[in-house]
Protein backbone atom coordinates (compact mmCIF):
# COMPACT_ATOMS: atom_id res chain seq x y z
CA MET A 1 -65.91 -4.70 -33.11
CA THR A 2 -64.60 -1.47 -34.69
CA GLY A 3 -62.00 0.34 -32.60
CA LYS A 4 -62.10 4.00 -31.55
CA ILE A 5 -59.39 5.09 -33.94
CA PHE A 6 -61.19 3.41 -36.87
CA ASN A 7 -64.49 5.11 -35.92
CA SER A 8 -62.82 8.50 -35.63
CA ILE A 9 -61.22 8.12 -39.03
CA PHE A 10 -64.57 6.96 -40.50
CA TRP A 11 -66.46 10.00 -39.28
CA THR A 12 -63.66 12.32 -40.37
CA ALA A 13 -63.97 10.85 -43.87
CA VAL A 14 -67.76 11.30 -43.86
CA ILE A 15 -67.42 14.96 -42.89
CA THR A 16 -64.71 15.47 -45.50
CA ASN A 17 -66.91 13.95 -48.22
CA ALA A 18 -69.83 16.12 -47.17
CA VAL A 19 -67.70 19.24 -47.31
CA THR A 20 -66.42 18.16 -50.73
CA LEU A 21 -69.99 17.77 -52.08
CA ILE A 22 -70.96 21.17 -50.79
CA LEU A 23 -67.83 22.63 -52.39
CA VAL A 24 -68.69 21.09 -55.76
CA ASN A 25 -72.26 22.40 -55.68
CA ALA A 26 -71.05 25.83 -54.69
CA LEU A 27 -68.60 25.98 -57.52
CA ASN A 28 -71.29 24.90 -60.02
CA SER A 29 -73.56 27.67 -58.84
CA ASN A 30 -73.20 31.40 -58.89
CA ASN A 31 -75.59 31.79 -56.02
CA ILE A 32 -74.15 33.89 -53.15
CA THR A 33 -76.10 31.81 -50.66
CA HIS A 34 -74.40 28.73 -51.89
CA CYS A 35 -70.99 30.41 -51.45
CA GLY A 36 -71.84 31.32 -47.87
CA ILE A 37 -72.92 27.81 -47.16
CA PHE A 38 -69.62 26.66 -48.70
CA ILE A 39 -67.57 28.84 -46.37
CA ILE A 40 -69.54 27.71 -43.34
CA ALA A 41 -69.13 24.08 -44.39
CA VAL A 42 -65.37 24.51 -44.81
CA LEU A 43 -65.04 26.09 -41.35
CA THR A 44 -67.20 23.36 -39.87
CA GLY A 45 -65.05 20.70 -41.51
CA VAL A 46 -61.82 22.26 -40.27
CA ILE A 47 -63.14 22.57 -36.70
CA SER A 48 -64.47 19.03 -36.79
CA ALA A 49 -61.15 17.70 -38.11
CA LEU A 50 -59.21 19.53 -35.38
CA ARG A 51 -61.50 18.18 -32.70
CA MET A 52 -61.27 14.70 -34.12
CA SER A 53 -57.44 14.83 -34.30
CA ARG A 54 -57.19 16.10 -30.72
CA LYS A 55 -59.59 13.44 -29.57
CA ILE A 56 -57.49 10.81 -31.32
CA THR A 57 -54.09 12.06 -30.10
CA ARG A 58 -55.04 13.12 -26.54
CA PRO A 59 -54.86 9.58 -25.06
CA LEU A 60 -51.50 9.08 -26.77
CA VAL A 61 -50.12 12.39 -25.46
CA GLU A 62 -51.42 11.83 -21.93
CA VAL A 63 -50.27 8.23 -21.68
CA ASN A 64 -48.21 7.53 -18.50
CA PRO A 65 -44.76 6.24 -19.58
CA ASP A 66 -44.33 4.43 -16.27
CA ASP A 67 -47.63 2.62 -16.73
CA PRO A 68 -48.62 2.78 -20.42
CA LYS A 69 -52.35 2.00 -20.63
CA ILE A 70 -54.68 3.11 -23.46
CA ASN A 71 -58.14 2.07 -24.63
CA TYR A 72 -57.28 1.94 -28.34
CA SER A 73 -57.27 -1.72 -29.15
CA GLU A 74 -55.48 -1.04 -32.46
CA ILE A 75 -52.26 0.08 -30.73
CA ASN A 76 -52.38 -2.26 -27.73
CA PRO A 77 -49.74 -4.56 -29.32
CA LEU A 78 -47.44 -1.52 -29.59
CA ILE A 79 -48.14 -0.58 -25.95
CA ASN A 80 -47.35 -4.14 -24.87
CA LYS A 81 -44.03 -4.07 -26.73
CA ILE A 82 -43.21 -0.72 -25.12
CA ARG A 83 -44.08 -2.17 -21.72
CA ILE A 84 -41.85 -5.23 -22.31
CA GLN A 85 -38.98 -3.09 -23.60
CA LYS A 86 -39.33 -0.77 -20.63
CA GLY A 87 -39.08 -3.76 -18.28
CA LYS A 88 -35.88 -4.88 -20.00
CA ILE A 89 -34.42 -1.38 -19.76
CA ARG A 90 -35.34 -1.20 -16.06
CA ARG A 91 -33.68 -4.55 -15.35
CA GLN A 92 -30.56 -3.60 -17.28
CA SER A 93 -30.44 -0.24 -15.50
CA ASN A 94 -30.73 -1.96 -12.13
CA GLU A 95 -27.96 -4.37 -13.08
CA VAL A 96 -25.68 -1.49 -14.15
CA LYS A 97 -26.49 0.42 -10.96
CA SER A 98 -25.86 -2.64 -8.83
CA GLY A 99 -22.58 -3.29 -10.64
CA ARG A 100 -21.45 0.28 -10.12
CA GLU A 101 -22.34 0.17 -6.43
CA GLN A 102 -20.51 -3.13 -6.01
CA LEU A 103 -17.46 -1.81 -7.88
CA SER A 104 -17.49 1.37 -5.79
CA LEU A 105 -17.78 -0.66 -2.57
CA ILE A 106 -14.83 -2.84 -3.57
CA THR A 107 -12.58 -0.03 -4.76
CA GLU A 108 -13.33 2.23 -1.80
CA ASN A 109 -12.21 -0.50 0.58
CA MET A 110 -8.94 -1.08 -1.28
CA SER A 111 -5.72 0.16 0.27
CA GLU A 112 -4.37 0.54 -3.27
CA GLY A 113 -5.40 3.34 -5.58
CA ILE A 114 -7.27 2.82 -8.84
CA VAL A 115 -8.09 5.44 -11.47
CA ILE A 116 -9.95 5.00 -14.77
CA ALA A 117 -9.58 7.71 -17.41
CA ASP A 118 -11.01 8.26 -20.90
CA PRO A 119 -8.92 8.83 -24.07
CA ARG A 120 -8.76 12.56 -23.26
CA THR A 121 -7.21 11.73 -19.83
CA ASN A 122 -10.36 12.83 -18.03
CA ILE A 123 -11.20 10.91 -14.86
CA LEU A 124 -14.08 8.45 -15.13
CA SER A 125 -13.56 6.84 -11.72
CA CYS A 126 -11.16 7.43 -8.84
CA ASN A 127 -11.20 5.77 -5.43
CA SER A 128 -10.18 7.36 -2.13
CA GLY A 129 -7.05 5.18 -2.01
CA ALA A 130 -5.64 7.01 -5.03
CA LEU A 131 -6.27 10.39 -3.42
CA ARG A 132 -4.66 9.28 -0.16
CA LEU A 133 -1.59 7.72 -1.75
CA LEU A 134 -0.95 10.69 -4.04
CA GLY A 135 -1.72 13.26 -1.35
CA THR A 136 -4.54 14.89 -3.32
CA GLU A 137 -7.45 16.45 -1.44
CA SER A 138 -10.13 15.90 -4.07
CA ALA A 139 -10.75 14.87 -7.66
CA LYS A 140 -14.07 14.44 -9.37
CA VAL A 141 -15.32 12.77 -12.52
CA GLY A 142 -14.43 14.89 -15.54
CA ASP A 143 -11.26 16.37 -14.04
CA SER A 144 -7.94 15.83 -15.78
CA ILE A 145 -5.99 12.89 -14.38
CA TYR A 146 -3.04 15.24 -13.95
CA ILE A 147 -4.86 16.92 -11.08
CA LEU A 148 -3.75 13.90 -9.05
CA ASN A 149 -0.07 14.55 -9.74
CA ASP A 150 1.59 16.94 -12.16
CA SER A 151 5.15 15.63 -11.99
CA GLU A 152 7.10 14.83 -15.14
CA ILE A 153 7.46 11.17 -14.15
CA PHE A 154 3.70 10.76 -13.70
CA ARG A 155 2.92 12.54 -16.97
CA HIS A 156 5.38 10.36 -18.88
CA CYS A 157 3.84 7.20 -17.41
CA ILE A 158 0.27 8.27 -18.34
CA GLN A 159 1.29 9.36 -21.85
CA ASP A 160 2.96 6.00 -22.48
CA ALA A 161 -0.27 4.25 -21.52
CA MET A 162 -2.28 6.58 -23.77
CA GLY A 163 0.10 5.58 -26.55
CA GLY A 164 -0.87 1.94 -26.09
CA ARG A 165 2.07 0.76 -23.96
CA ASN A 166 1.99 -0.69 -20.46
CA SER A 167 3.95 1.68 -18.27
CA SER A 168 5.20 1.80 -14.67
CA CYS A 169 7.27 4.15 -12.55
CA ILE A 170 8.24 4.91 -8.96
CA LEU A 171 6.90 8.24 -7.76
CA LYS A 172 8.42 10.00 -4.77
CA THR A 173 5.80 11.80 -2.65
CA SER A 174 5.83 13.47 0.74
CA GLY A 175 4.01 10.42 2.10
CA GLY A 176 6.47 7.87 0.70
CA ASP A 177 7.27 5.95 -2.47
CA ARG A 178 4.42 5.07 -4.84
CA GLU A 179 4.50 2.59 -7.72
CA ILE A 180 2.34 3.70 -10.66
CA ILE A 181 1.20 1.05 -13.15
CA ALA A 182 -0.77 2.38 -16.14
CA SER A 183 -2.34 0.07 -18.72
CA PRO A 184 -4.25 1.00 -21.88
CA SER A 185 -7.73 -0.35 -22.59
CA ASN A 186 -7.93 -1.33 -26.25
CA ILE A 187 -10.81 -2.14 -28.55
CA THR A 188 -9.16 -3.54 -31.67
CA ASP A 189 -6.56 -0.84 -32.46
CA THR A 190 -8.36 2.00 -30.69
CA ILE A 191 -7.42 3.24 -27.20
CA ASN A 192 -10.67 3.88 -25.37
CA GLY A 193 -9.11 4.71 -22.00
CA ILE A 194 -6.55 3.70 -19.39
CA VAL A 195 -6.54 2.04 -15.99
CA VAL A 196 -4.01 3.27 -13.42
CA PHE A 197 -3.06 1.34 -10.28
CA ILE A 198 -1.20 3.01 -7.41
CA PHE A 199 0.67 1.04 -4.73
CA ASP A 200 2.48 2.10 -1.57
CA VAL A 201 5.98 0.63 -1.98
CA THR A 202 7.72 2.68 0.72
CA GLU A 203 8.55 -0.35 2.83
CA LYS A 204 9.52 -2.37 -0.23
CA GLN A 205 11.93 0.36 -1.37
CA GLN A 206 13.39 0.64 2.12
CA LEU A 207 13.92 -3.10 2.27
CA GLU A 208 15.56 -3.05 -1.15
CA THR A 209 17.87 -0.26 0.00
CA MET A 210 18.69 -2.20 3.15
CA ARG A 211 19.36 -5.32 1.09
CA ARG A 212 21.81 -3.48 -1.15
CA GLU A 213 23.51 -1.88 1.83
CA PHE A 214 23.65 -5.23 3.62
CA THR A 215 25.22 -6.93 0.61
CA SER A 216 27.75 -4.14 0.26
CA ASN A 217 28.59 -4.14 3.98
CA VAL A 218 28.87 -7.93 4.19
CA SER A 219 31.20 -7.94 1.20
CA HIS A 220 33.35 -5.28 2.85
CA GLU A 221 33.35 -6.93 6.28
CA LEU A 222 34.25 -10.32 4.81
CA LYS A 223 36.87 -8.93 2.48
CA THR A 224 38.79 -7.04 5.18
CA PRO A 225 39.86 -10.00 7.38
CA LEU A 226 40.36 -12.25 4.36
CA THR A 227 42.69 -9.68 2.80
CA THR A 228 44.68 -9.49 6.03
CA ILE A 229 44.87 -13.28 6.33
CA TYR A 230 45.91 -13.63 2.69
CA GLY A 231 48.59 -10.95 2.99
CA ILE A 232 50.16 -12.43 6.14
CA SER A 233 50.04 -16.00 4.85
CA ASP A 234 51.61 -14.89 1.56
CA MET A 235 54.50 -13.31 3.44
CA LEU A 236 54.95 -16.47 5.53
CA ALA A 237 54.81 -18.67 2.42
CA ASN A 238 57.51 -16.64 0.69
CA GLY A 239 59.76 -16.72 3.76
CA ILE A 240 60.06 -12.97 4.10
CA VAL A 241 59.07 -12.95 7.76
CA LYS A 242 61.73 -12.98 10.40
CA PRO A 243 61.67 -16.08 12.60
CA GLU A 244 61.08 -13.99 15.71
CA ASP A 245 58.01 -12.35 14.08
CA VAL A 246 56.32 -15.59 13.03
CA GLY A 247 54.46 -15.89 16.35
CA GLN A 248 53.01 -12.37 16.07
CA PHE A 249 51.97 -12.96 12.49
CA GLY A 250 50.28 -16.20 13.54
CA GLN A 251 48.34 -14.34 16.25
CA ASN A 252 47.22 -11.79 13.66
CA ILE A 253 45.94 -14.57 11.42
CA ARG A 254 44.08 -16.15 14.35
CA SER A 255 42.57 -12.80 15.37
CA GLU A 256 41.31 -12.08 11.87
CA ALA A 257 40.01 -15.65 11.54
CA GLU A 258 38.10 -15.27 14.83
CA ARG A 259 36.63 -12.02 13.58
CA LEU A 260 35.57 -13.75 10.37
CA ILE A 261 33.97 -16.63 12.28
CA ILE A 262 32.09 -14.22 14.56
CA LEU A 263 30.80 -12.29 11.54
CA ILE A 264 29.62 -15.45 9.80
CA ASN A 265 27.94 -16.69 12.97
CA ASP A 266 26.17 -13.35 13.40
CA ILE A 267 25.00 -13.39 9.80
CA VAL A 268 23.68 -16.94 10.21
CA SER A 269 21.90 -16.02 13.47
CA LEU A 270 20.34 -12.94 11.91
CA SER A 271 19.28 -14.89 8.83
CA LYS A 272 17.53 -17.49 10.97
CA LEU A 273 15.73 -14.84 12.99
CA ASP A 274 14.77 -13.01 9.79
CA GLU A 275 13.28 -16.15 8.27
CA ASN A 276 11.75 -17.22 11.59
CA SER A 277 13.58 -20.53 11.16
CA VAL A 278 14.95 -20.66 14.71
CA PRO A 279 13.59 -23.88 16.27
CA ARG A 280 10.85 -23.23 18.83
CA ASP A 281 12.86 -24.93 21.54
CA ASP A 282 11.30 -22.89 24.34
CA THR A 283 12.22 -23.82 27.88
CA GLY A 284 12.08 -22.13 31.26
CA THR A 285 15.18 -19.94 31.63
CA ASP A 286 16.24 -18.08 34.75
CA LEU A 287 17.17 -14.69 33.26
CA TYR A 288 19.23 -13.66 36.32
CA ASN A 289 21.39 -16.79 36.10
CA LEU A 290 21.72 -16.34 32.33
CA ALA A 291 22.88 -12.75 32.82
CA GLU A 292 25.51 -13.97 35.32
CA GLU A 293 26.88 -16.41 32.74
CA VAL A 294 27.05 -13.68 30.08
CA ILE A 295 28.85 -11.27 32.43
CA GLU A 296 31.39 -13.98 33.25
CA ARG A 297 32.15 -14.48 29.55
CA LEU A 298 32.64 -10.75 29.09
CA HIS A 299 34.87 -10.39 32.13
CA ARG A 300 38.05 -10.22 30.04
CA SER A 301 36.70 -7.54 27.68
CA ALA A 302 35.53 -5.45 30.63
CA ASN A 303 38.90 -5.70 32.36
CA GLU A 304 40.70 -4.40 29.26
CA LYS A 305 38.91 -1.04 29.75
CA ASN A 306 38.71 -1.31 33.54
CA ILE A 307 34.92 -1.38 33.33
CA LYS A 308 32.89 -2.69 36.26
CA ILE A 309 29.77 -4.76 35.49
CA SER A 310 27.12 -5.15 38.20
CA LEU A 311 24.02 -7.33 38.21
CA SER A 312 20.89 -6.61 40.24
CA GLY A 313 17.28 -7.61 40.38
CA GLU A 314 15.62 -10.94 40.97
CA HIS A 315 15.49 -14.48 39.67
CA ILE A 316 12.74 -14.59 37.07
CA GLU A 317 11.94 -17.56 34.89
CA PHE A 318 10.95 -16.83 31.32
CA ILE A 319 9.73 -19.37 28.75
CA GLY A 320 11.79 -18.82 25.61
CA ASN A 321 14.66 -19.94 23.42
CA ARG A 322 17.71 -19.93 25.69
CA THR A 323 20.18 -19.44 22.82
CA VAL A 324 18.34 -16.39 21.50
CA LEU A 325 17.94 -14.94 25.00
CA ASP A 326 21.68 -15.43 25.56
CA GLU A 327 22.45 -13.51 22.34
CA ILE A 328 20.15 -10.65 23.40
CA ILE A 329 21.83 -10.15 26.80
CA TYR A 330 25.33 -10.81 25.44
CA ASN A 331 25.09 -8.26 22.61
CA LEU A 332 23.59 -5.57 24.86
CA CYS A 333 26.32 -6.04 27.47
CA ASP A 334 29.05 -6.29 24.82
CA ASN A 335 27.93 -2.99 23.27
CA ALA A 336 27.76 -1.35 26.69
CA ILE A 337 31.43 -2.27 27.19
CA LYS A 338 32.59 -1.32 23.68
CA TYR A 339 30.98 2.11 23.66
CA ASN A 340 31.77 2.94 27.27
CA LYS A 341 34.54 5.12 28.59
CA VAL A 342 37.62 3.72 30.33
CA SER A 343 36.88 2.92 34.01
CA GLY A 344 33.17 3.16 33.26
CA HIS A 345 30.29 1.17 34.69
CA VAL A 346 27.72 -1.19 33.21
CA GLU A 347 24.62 -2.22 35.15
CA VAL A 348 22.41 -5.16 34.26
CA LYS A 349 19.03 -5.42 35.99
CA ILE A 350 16.41 -8.17 35.82
CA SER A 351 13.02 -7.05 37.10
CA HIS A 352 9.32 -7.23 36.42
CA ILE A 353 6.07 -5.29 36.61
CA PRO A 354 2.60 -6.91 36.74
CA THR A 355 2.43 -7.65 33.00
CA LYS A 356 6.05 -7.53 31.79
CA ILE A 357 9.54 -8.83 32.45
CA LEU A 358 12.25 -6.20 32.10
CA ILE A 359 15.91 -6.62 31.15
CA THR A 360 17.75 -3.31 31.53
CA VAL A 361 21.37 -2.79 30.41
CA SER A 362 22.70 0.69 31.12
CA ASP A 363 26.11 2.35 30.91
CA ASP A 364 27.70 5.73 31.59
CA GLY A 365 29.50 5.96 28.25
CA MET A 366 29.39 8.29 25.27
CA GLY A 367 25.61 8.14 24.69
CA ILE A 368 23.72 8.22 21.40
CA PRO A 369 22.66 11.44 19.59
CA PRO A 370 18.84 11.61 19.20
CA GLU A 371 19.00 11.62 15.38
CA HIS A 372 20.70 8.21 15.38
CA ILE A 373 18.50 6.35 17.88
CA ASN A 374 15.95 5.20 15.27
CA ARG A 375 18.72 3.69 13.11
CA ILE A 376 21.00 1.94 15.58
CA PHE A 377 19.16 -1.37 15.09
CA GLU A 378 19.92 -1.39 11.36
CA ARG A 379 22.52 -3.88 10.18
CA PHE A 380 26.08 -2.54 10.10
CA TYR A 381 24.91 0.91 11.17
CA ARG A 382 27.52 2.82 13.15
CA VAL A 383 26.87 6.14 14.89
CA ASP A 384 30.51 7.19 14.51
CA LYS A 385 31.88 5.60 11.34
CA SER A 386 35.28 7.24 11.85
CA HIS A 387 35.89 5.02 14.90
CA SER A 388 34.24 1.87 13.51
CA ARG A 389 37.59 0.22 12.85
CA GLN A 390 38.84 1.01 16.34
CA ILE A 391 35.84 -0.66 17.98
CA LYS A 392 35.75 -4.39 17.39
CA GLY A 393 32.50 -5.92 16.26
CA THR A 394 30.47 -6.90 13.25
CA GLY A 395 27.86 -4.14 13.42
CA LEU A 396 25.11 -6.76 13.62
CA GLY A 397 24.75 -7.02 17.39
CA LEU A 398 21.81 -4.65 17.92
CA SER A 399 20.05 -5.99 14.83
CA ILE A 400 20.28 -9.50 16.33
CA VAL A 401 18.93 -8.08 19.61
CA LYS A 402 15.96 -6.47 17.87
CA HIS A 403 15.03 -9.63 15.96
CA GLY A 404 15.55 -11.81 19.04
CA VAL A 405 13.21 -9.60 21.07
CA MET A 406 10.60 -9.70 18.29
CA TYR A 407 11.00 -13.49 18.17
CA HIS A 408 9.73 -13.54 21.79
CA ASN A 409 6.92 -11.01 21.07
CA GLY A 410 8.73 -8.40 23.10
CA THR A 411 9.77 -4.79 22.57
CA ILE A 412 12.96 -2.80 23.08
CA ARG A 413 13.42 0.91 23.70
CA VAL A 414 16.41 3.17 24.22
CA GLU A 415 17.00 6.06 26.60
CA SER A 416 20.21 7.94 25.97
CA THR A 417 21.92 11.24 26.75
CA VAL A 418 25.05 12.26 24.85
CA GLY A 419 28.05 12.25 27.19
CA LYS A 420 26.16 10.57 30.04
CA GLY A 421 25.31 7.11 28.79
CA SER A 422 22.53 4.90 27.46
CA ALA A 423 19.98 2.42 28.74
CA PHE A 424 18.45 -0.39 26.67
CA ILE A 425 15.20 -1.74 28.12
CA VAL A 426 13.85 -5.07 26.84
CA GLU A 427 10.24 -5.90 27.74
CA PHE A 428 8.83 -9.41 27.49
CA PRO A 429 5.15 -10.11 28.11
CA ILE A 430 4.31 -12.32 31.08
CA GLU A 431 2.12 -15.18 29.92
CA LYS A 432 -1.01 -15.65 31.98
CA LYS A 433 -1.30 -19.09 33.48
């Protein structure tokens, strides 16, 4: 069966041949009539050819690309190939779209920032985490990556990555410290873009600072009594101490040794609480009785400054580690004595409300300036460093208190007025039976 295209071409050829014959006859004749017939035949041929071409091409022009169907059997194989190729393109497009949506869903739920840029440092992708961490209100695809941050440190990090080197830096922002890690994306020796990761390292940097300070302070605190002990013992060994002064020098050695032992014990206690390695030896402890024992041990220190310690409240049993609870009450009371005025007063109260047990240690001493309250639980932190040598202690007491309270899932808060005194309130949750 002859197809439509073949038939159209056949009839176009017939008309063309007819026109050609008429043309030949006209040229061989000088008759004007024949010339007129020739012109009419030419026009008829042209019109017929145009109509035939439009008839042939109209189905091709009007074909629906989403559903390519045509009645020309000669090009049906081509239409089928187009239809198959279109199906492949649709599937690939859906896969790309699905991948993009999945990537967007993952990156938008990341707390970290991620930015992808092309070789011209234009943004190809940027999640909301990057905007939040860098404090940028908006950034869209096509913007320069430097719209996120225009600092010299950030620029240097990005330029290193564009040069083919992995780069990282710490960026200081109003919201905290950010670690920037930029890596190039290479195809053979060509850089086709970079990937930038942004992390919030504020807490990490603070911990690192605290670690360095702790190491420095521990070294200093350990070195001071050891230097004193070494100096006194050297004098005794060389016999340059008068016999009547030997006893006093021995007391000095013992005092410094005690200070050293207390410091080491505090460091060990704090280390165990830090690492959560304190044995969970929880037993029922009467907090009122425990407070009485602590006050008795501090009786001598209180008498040296003529400070009166009073205990009030009620007998309340709390399930916890007795040793840690003892350290909490002891350090709070010890600080209340150390930083109190002569002939001052310290009050310890054990009480409870429906959901919490309260341990309150208050004094009428020097008080704590507001700007220091958030730091007093840091290790070795002293509000008045000029008097730190005059006040005995390791500077770890309140840090031990804080970690001991956290160990029991409790909280601690401070109320203080400069010149009038301070109150430390420990709150432990009451377990429902």
